[in-house]
Amino acid sequence: MKTSIKTELQEHILDCLNEGILTNENFEDWHYHCFNEDYYIIGYYEANQWLEKHNMNAFEAIDIVREYEVDNFGVFTTETNSESIVNMLVYIYGEEIIQSTGTDCIKELKNELENL
């Protein structure tokens, strides 16, 4: 994962913490609330700009999503448009970041994210 993406997504998780979206009571759904409850990026143009901002090739993004879906679900189903691919990529990376903290407490999550 590119450093710029990791930093952006960590900030998004911290925003969710600060807004009270993530709590100790809903720790099993942190990933859902941050990256699956709503679209992270809306619009093809915005998604293309996001990829460009993070210096990511569209084919590289598609390949990451395809590999994840085939490994986890046995089939690649995400539509191959920039909006769908970016949102799925953010879903994948968000899951990776949250799992890497290994915590179920918002105080520890915040500390982990601020020190990654």
N, C-alpha and C. Protein backbone atom coordinates (compact mmCIF):
# COMPACT_ATOMS: atom_id res chain seq x y z
N MET A 1 0.84 -1.17 0.00
CA MET A 1 0.00 0.00 0.00
C MET A 1 0.89 1.24 0.00
N LYS A 2 0.54 2.17 -0.84
CA LYS A 2 1.33 3.40 -0.93
C LYS A 2 1.16 4.21 0.36
N THR A 3 2.23 4.86 0.76
CA THR A 3 2.23 5.64 2.00
C THR A 3 1.15 6.71 1.99
N SER A 4 0.96 7.37 0.87
CA SER A 4 -0.05 8.44 0.80
C SER A 4 -1.45 7.90 1.03
N ILE A 5 -1.73 6.71 0.52
CA ILE A 5 -3.05 6.09 0.73
C ILE A 5 -3.20 5.69 2.19
N LYS A 6 -2.17 5.08 2.74
CA LYS A 6 -2.22 4.65 4.14
C LYS A 6 -2.48 5.85 5.05
N THR A 7 -1.77 6.93 4.82
CA THR A 7 -1.93 8.14 5.63
C THR A 7 -3.35 8.69 5.51
N GLU A 8 -3.86 8.76 4.29
CA GLU A 8 -5.22 9.27 4.08
C GLU A 8 -6.26 8.41 4.79
N LEU A 9 -6.13 7.11 4.67
CA LEU A 9 -7.11 6.22 5.28
C LEU A 9 -7.00 6.20 6.80
N GLN A 10 -5.79 6.33 7.32
CA GLN A 10 -5.62 6.44 8.77
C GLN A 10 -6.32 7.70 9.27
N GLU A 11 -6.19 8.79 8.53
CA GLU A 11 -6.86 10.04 8.91
C GLU A 11 -8.38 9.87 8.85
N HIS A 12 -8.86 9.12 7.86
CA HIS A 12 -10.30 8.87 7.75
C HIS A 12 -10.79 8.09 8.97
N ILE A 13 -10.05 7.08 9.38
CA ILE A 13 -10.42 6.30 10.57
C ILE A 13 -10.41 7.19 11.80
N LEU A 14 -9.39 8.03 11.94
CA LEU A 14 -9.33 8.95 13.08
C LEU A 14 -10.50 9.93 13.05
N ASP A 15 -10.91 10.38 11.87
CA ASP A 15 -12.09 11.24 11.76
C ASP A 15 -13.34 10.50 12.25
N CYS A 16 -13.46 9.24 11.87
CA CYS A 16 -14.59 8.43 12.34
C CYS A 16 -14.57 8.27 13.85
N LEU A 17 -13.38 8.13 14.42
CA LEU A 17 -13.24 8.06 15.88
C LEU A 17 -13.68 9.37 16.52
N ASN A 18 -13.17 10.47 16.01
CA ASN A 18 -13.46 11.78 16.58
C ASN A 18 -14.93 12.17 16.44
N GLU A 19 -15.59 11.66 15.40
CA GLU A 19 -17.00 11.96 15.18
C GLU A 19 -17.91 11.02 15.98
N GLY A 20 -17.33 10.07 16.70
CA GLY A 20 -18.11 9.16 17.52
C GLY A 20 -18.76 8.02 16.73
N ILE A 21 -18.35 7.84 15.49
CA ILE A 21 -18.90 6.76 14.66
C ILE A 21 -18.38 5.42 15.15
N LEU A 22 -17.11 5.40 15.57
CA LEU A 22 -16.51 4.18 16.11
C LEU A 22 -16.54 4.25 17.63
N THR A 23 -16.99 3.17 18.24
CA THR A 23 -17.07 3.11 19.69
C THR A 23 -16.52 1.77 20.15
N ASN A 24 -16.31 1.64 21.44
CA ASN A 24 -15.90 0.35 21.99
C ASN A 24 -16.99 -0.69 21.79
N GLU A 25 -18.23 -0.25 21.80
CA GLU A 25 -19.35 -1.17 21.66
C GLU A 25 -19.50 -1.73 20.24
N ASN A 26 -19.08 -0.99 19.23
CA ASN A 26 -19.24 -1.47 17.85
C ASN A 26 -17.92 -1.87 17.20
N PHE A 27 -16.94 -2.30 18.02
CA PHE A 27 -15.60 -2.59 17.50
C PHE A 27 -15.61 -3.67 16.42
N GLU A 28 -16.56 -4.59 16.47
CA GLU A 28 -16.62 -5.64 15.44
C GLU A 28 -17.03 -5.09 14.09
N ASP A 29 -17.59 -3.86 14.07
CA ASP A 29 -18.07 -3.25 12.84
C ASP A 29 -17.28 -2.00 12.44
N TRP A 30 -16.12 -1.78 13.04
CA TRP A 30 -15.34 -0.58 12.71
C TRP A 30 -15.08 -0.47 11.21
N HIS A 31 -14.65 -1.55 10.61
CA HIS A 31 -14.34 -1.53 9.19
C HIS A 31 -15.58 -1.18 8.38
N TYR A 32 -16.69 -1.79 8.74
CA TYR A 32 -17.96 -1.52 8.04
C TYR A 32 -18.31 -0.04 8.13
N HIS A 33 -18.25 0.52 9.33
CA HIS A 33 -18.64 1.91 9.52
C HIS A 33 -17.71 2.89 8.80
N CYS A 34 -16.45 2.56 8.71
CA CYS A 34 -15.50 3.46 8.04
C CYS A 34 -15.50 3.32 6.52
N PHE A 35 -15.63 2.08 6.04
CA PHE A 35 -15.34 1.85 4.63
C PHE A 35 -16.41 1.11 3.84
N ASN A 36 -17.55 0.81 4.45
CA ASN A 36 -18.55 0.05 3.71
C ASN A 36 -19.96 0.60 3.90
N GLU A 37 -20.14 1.47 4.86
CA GLU A 37 -21.46 2.03 5.13
C GLU A 37 -21.88 3.01 4.03
N ASP A 38 -20.91 3.65 3.45
CA ASP A 38 -21.16 4.62 2.39
C ASP A 38 -19.97 4.61 1.44
N TYR A 39 -20.15 5.19 0.27
CA TYR A 39 -19.04 5.29 -0.68
C TYR A 39 -17.97 6.22 -0.12
N TYR A 40 -16.73 5.86 -0.31
CA TYR A 40 -15.62 6.72 0.09
C TYR A 40 -15.43 7.83 -0.95
N ILE A 41 -15.53 7.45 -2.21
CA ILE A 41 -15.41 8.38 -3.34
C ILE A 41 -16.68 8.26 -4.17
N ILE A 42 -17.25 9.40 -4.55
CA ILE A 42 -18.43 9.39 -5.40
C ILE A 42 -18.08 10.08 -6.71
N GLY A 43 -18.29 9.37 -7.80
CA GLY A 43 -18.08 9.93 -9.13
C GLY A 43 -16.83 9.40 -9.80
N TYR A 44 -16.95 9.18 -11.09
CA TYR A 44 -15.83 8.66 -11.87
C TYR A 44 -14.67 9.65 -11.92
N TYR A 45 -14.98 10.92 -12.11
CA TYR A 45 -13.93 11.92 -12.18
C TYR A 45 -13.16 11.99 -10.87
N GLU A 46 -13.89 12.02 -9.74
CA GLU A 46 -13.25 12.09 -8.44
C GLU A 46 -12.40 10.85 -8.18
N ALA A 47 -12.89 9.70 -8.62
CA ALA A 47 -12.13 8.46 -8.44
C ALA A 47 -10.85 8.49 -9.28
N ASN A 48 -10.96 8.97 -10.50
CA ASN A 48 -9.76 9.09 -11.34
C ASN A 48 -8.75 10.06 -10.72
N GLN A 49 -9.25 11.15 -10.17
CA GLN A 49 -8.38 12.12 -9.52
C GLN A 49 -7.72 11.52 -8.28
N TRP A 50 -8.45 10.68 -7.56
CA TRP A 50 -7.91 10.02 -6.37
C TRP A 50 -6.76 9.09 -6.77
N LEU A 51 -6.96 8.31 -7.82
CA LEU A 51 -5.90 7.43 -8.30
C LEU A 51 -4.67 8.24 -8.71
N GLU A 52 -4.91 9.33 -9.43
CA GLU A 52 -3.81 10.18 -9.88
C GLU A 52 -3.08 10.81 -8.69
N LYS A 53 -3.85 11.29 -7.73
CA LYS A 53 -3.28 11.91 -6.52
C LYS A 53 -2.32 10.96 -5.82
N HIS A 54 -2.67 9.67 -5.82
CA HIS A 54 -1.86 8.68 -5.14
C HIS A 54 -0.90 7.95 -6.09
N ASN A 55 -0.77 8.52 -7.30
CA ASN A 55 0.17 7.98 -8.28
C ASN A 55 -0.04 6.48 -8.50
N MET A 56 -1.31 6.11 -8.67
CA MET A 56 -1.65 4.71 -8.86
C MET A 56 -2.24 4.52 -10.25
N ASN A 57 -1.72 3.55 -10.93
CA ASN A 57 -2.20 3.17 -12.25
C ASN A 57 -3.53 2.43 -12.10
N ALA A 58 -4.49 2.72 -12.97
CA ALA A 58 -5.80 2.08 -12.90
C ALA A 58 -5.69 0.56 -13.01
N PHE A 59 -4.79 0.08 -13.84
CA PHE A 59 -4.64 -1.36 -14.00
C PHE A 59 -4.08 -2.01 -12.74
N GLU A 60 -3.20 -1.30 -12.06
CA GLU A 60 -2.66 -1.78 -10.79
C GLU A 60 -3.79 -1.90 -9.76
N ALA A 61 -4.65 -0.88 -9.70
CA ALA A 61 -5.78 -0.89 -8.77
C ALA A 61 -6.73 -2.03 -9.09
N ILE A 62 -7.05 -2.22 -10.35
CA ILE A 62 -7.94 -3.31 -10.77
C ILE A 62 -7.34 -4.65 -10.37
N ASP A 63 -6.05 -4.81 -10.59
CA ASP A 63 -5.40 -6.08 -10.26
C ASP A 63 -5.44 -6.38 -8.77
N ILE A 64 -5.25 -5.37 -7.93
CA ILE A 64 -5.31 -5.55 -6.48
C ILE A 64 -6.71 -5.99 -6.07
N VAL A 65 -7.72 -5.33 -6.61
CA VAL A 65 -9.11 -5.67 -6.30
C VAL A 65 -9.44 -7.08 -6.80
N ARG A 66 -9.03 -7.38 -8.03
CA ARG A 66 -9.29 -8.70 -8.60
C ARG A 66 -8.66 -9.80 -7.75
N GLU A 67 -7.41 -9.63 -7.39
CA GLU A 67 -6.71 -10.63 -6.59
C GLU A 67 -7.39 -10.83 -5.23
N TYR A 68 -7.78 -9.74 -4.58
CA TYR A 68 -8.45 -9.82 -3.29
C TYR A 68 -9.76 -10.59 -3.41
N GLU A 69 -10.55 -10.23 -4.41
CA GLU A 69 -11.86 -10.87 -4.55
C GLU A 69 -11.74 -12.35 -4.92
N VAL A 70 -10.82 -12.68 -5.80
CA VAL A 70 -10.64 -14.08 -6.17
C VAL A 70 -10.16 -14.88 -4.97
N ASP A 71 -9.21 -14.32 -4.22
CA ASP A 71 -8.70 -15.02 -3.03
C ASP A 71 -9.76 -15.21 -1.95
N ASN A 72 -10.63 -14.21 -1.77
CA ASN A 72 -11.60 -14.24 -0.68
C ASN A 72 -12.97 -14.76 -1.07
N PHE A 73 -13.35 -14.58 -2.33
CA PHE A 73 -14.71 -14.94 -2.75
C PHE A 73 -14.73 -15.92 -3.92
N GLY A 74 -13.58 -16.17 -4.51
CA GLY A 74 -13.50 -17.11 -5.62
C GLY A 74 -13.83 -16.52 -6.98
N VAL A 75 -14.25 -15.27 -7.00
CA VAL A 75 -14.62 -14.64 -8.27
C VAL A 75 -14.45 -13.12 -8.16
N PHE A 76 -14.12 -12.51 -9.28
CA PHE A 76 -13.97 -11.05 -9.36
C PHE A 76 -15.30 -10.47 -9.84
N THR A 77 -15.94 -9.68 -8.98
CA THR A 77 -17.28 -9.16 -9.31
C THR A 77 -17.39 -7.65 -9.38
N THR A 78 -16.41 -6.92 -8.89
CA THR A 78 -16.50 -5.46 -8.89
C THR A 78 -16.51 -4.93 -10.32
N GLU A 79 -17.44 -4.01 -10.58
CA GLU A 79 -17.48 -3.39 -11.90
C GLU A 79 -16.16 -2.68 -12.17
N THR A 80 -15.70 -2.74 -13.40
CA THR A 80 -14.41 -2.12 -13.73
C THR A 80 -14.62 -0.68 -14.21
N ASN A 81 -15.06 0.14 -13.28
CA ASN A 81 -15.07 1.58 -13.51
C ASN A 81 -14.33 2.21 -12.35
N SER A 82 -13.86 3.40 -12.54
CA SER A 82 -12.98 4.02 -11.54
C SER A 82 -13.63 4.14 -10.17
N GLU A 83 -14.89 4.51 -10.12
CA GLU A 83 -15.56 4.68 -8.84
C GLU A 83 -15.65 3.36 -8.06
N SER A 84 -16.07 2.31 -8.72
CA SER A 84 -16.21 1.00 -8.05
C SER A 84 -14.85 0.45 -7.62
N ILE A 85 -13.86 0.58 -8.49
CA ILE A 85 -12.53 0.05 -8.17
C ILE A 85 -11.92 0.81 -7.00
N VAL A 86 -11.99 2.13 -7.01
CA VAL A 86 -11.40 2.91 -5.92
C VAL A 86 -12.11 2.60 -4.60
N ASN A 87 -13.42 2.52 -4.61
CA ASN A 87 -14.13 2.22 -3.37
C ASN A 87 -13.80 0.83 -2.85
N MET A 88 -13.64 -0.14 -3.72
CA MET A 88 -13.26 -1.48 -3.28
C MET A 88 -11.81 -1.49 -2.79
N LEU A 89 -10.95 -0.75 -3.46
CA LEU A 89 -9.55 -0.65 -3.03
C LEU A 89 -9.46 -0.03 -1.63
N VAL A 90 -10.23 1.00 -1.39
CA VAL A 90 -10.27 1.64 -0.08
C VAL A 90 -10.81 0.66 0.96
N TYR A 91 -11.82 -0.12 0.59
CA TYR A 91 -12.37 -1.15 1.47
C TYR A 91 -11.27 -2.15 1.87
N ILE A 92 -10.52 -2.60 0.89
CA ILE A 92 -9.45 -3.58 1.12
C ILE A 92 -8.37 -2.99 2.03
N TYR A 93 -7.88 -1.82 1.68
CA TYR A 93 -6.82 -1.20 2.46
C TYR A 93 -7.31 -0.80 3.85
N GLY A 94 -8.55 -0.36 3.97
CA GLY A 94 -9.11 -0.02 5.27
C GLY A 94 -9.16 -1.22 6.18
N GLU A 95 -9.55 -2.34 5.61
CA GLU A 95 -9.58 -3.59 6.37
C GLU A 95 -8.17 -3.95 6.86
N GLU A 96 -7.21 -3.80 5.98
CA GLU A 96 -5.82 -4.11 6.32
C GLU A 96 -5.31 -3.22 7.46
N ILE A 97 -5.62 -1.94 7.40
CA ILE A 97 -5.16 -1.00 8.43
C ILE A 97 -5.81 -1.32 9.77
N ILE A 98 -7.10 -1.50 9.78
CA ILE A 98 -7.79 -1.76 11.05
C ILE A 98 -7.33 -3.08 11.65
N GLN A 99 -7.19 -4.11 10.83
CA GLN A 99 -6.73 -5.40 11.35
C GLN A 99 -5.30 -5.32 11.87
N SER A 100 -4.48 -4.49 11.25
CA SER A 100 -3.08 -4.40 11.65
C SER A 100 -2.91 -3.81 13.05
N THR A 101 -3.91 -3.07 13.52
CA THR A 101 -3.82 -2.49 14.86
C THR A 101 -4.02 -3.56 15.93
N GLY A 102 -4.78 -4.59 15.62
CA GLY A 102 -4.99 -5.69 16.56
C GLY A 102 -5.66 -5.27 17.85
N THR A 103 -6.53 -4.28 17.80
CA THR A 103 -7.16 -3.79 19.01
C THR A 103 -8.68 -3.79 18.90
N ASP A 104 -9.34 -3.77 20.05
CA ASP A 104 -10.80 -3.66 20.08
C ASP A 104 -11.23 -2.53 21.03
N CYS A 105 -10.33 -1.60 21.23
CA CYS A 105 -10.57 -0.47 22.14
C CYS A 105 -10.25 0.82 21.38
N ILE A 106 -11.16 1.79 21.40
CA ILE A 106 -10.94 3.00 20.60
C ILE A 106 -9.72 3.80 21.06
N LYS A 107 -9.43 3.78 22.34
CA LYS A 107 -8.24 4.48 22.84
C LYS A 107 -6.98 3.86 22.24
N GLU A 108 -6.91 2.53 22.25
CA GLU A 108 -5.76 1.84 21.67
C GLU A 108 -5.72 2.02 20.15
N LEU A 109 -6.89 2.00 19.51
CA LEU A 109 -6.95 2.21 18.06
C LEU A 109 -6.38 3.56 17.71
N LYS A 110 -6.79 4.58 18.44
CA LYS A 110 -6.29 5.93 18.18
C LYS A 110 -4.78 6.01 18.37
N ASN A 111 -4.28 5.42 19.45
CA ASN A 111 -2.84 5.40 19.70
C ASN A 111 -2.09 4.68 18.59
N GLU A 112 -2.61 3.53 18.18
CA GLU A 112 -1.97 2.76 17.11
C GLU A 112 -1.91 3.54 15.81
N LEU A 113 -3.03 4.17 15.45
CA LEU A 113 -3.09 4.92 14.19
C LEU A 113 -2.17 6.13 14.21
N GLU A 114 -2.08 6.78 15.32
CA GLU A 114 -1.23 7.96 15.42
C GLU A 114 0.25 7.58 15.42
N ASN A 115 0.57 6.33 15.72
CA ASN A 115 1.96 5.91 15.77
C ASN A 115 2.38 5.00 14.62
N LEU A 116 1.49 4.75 13.67
CA LEU A 116 1.86 3.91 12.52
C LEU A 116 2.73 4.66 11.55
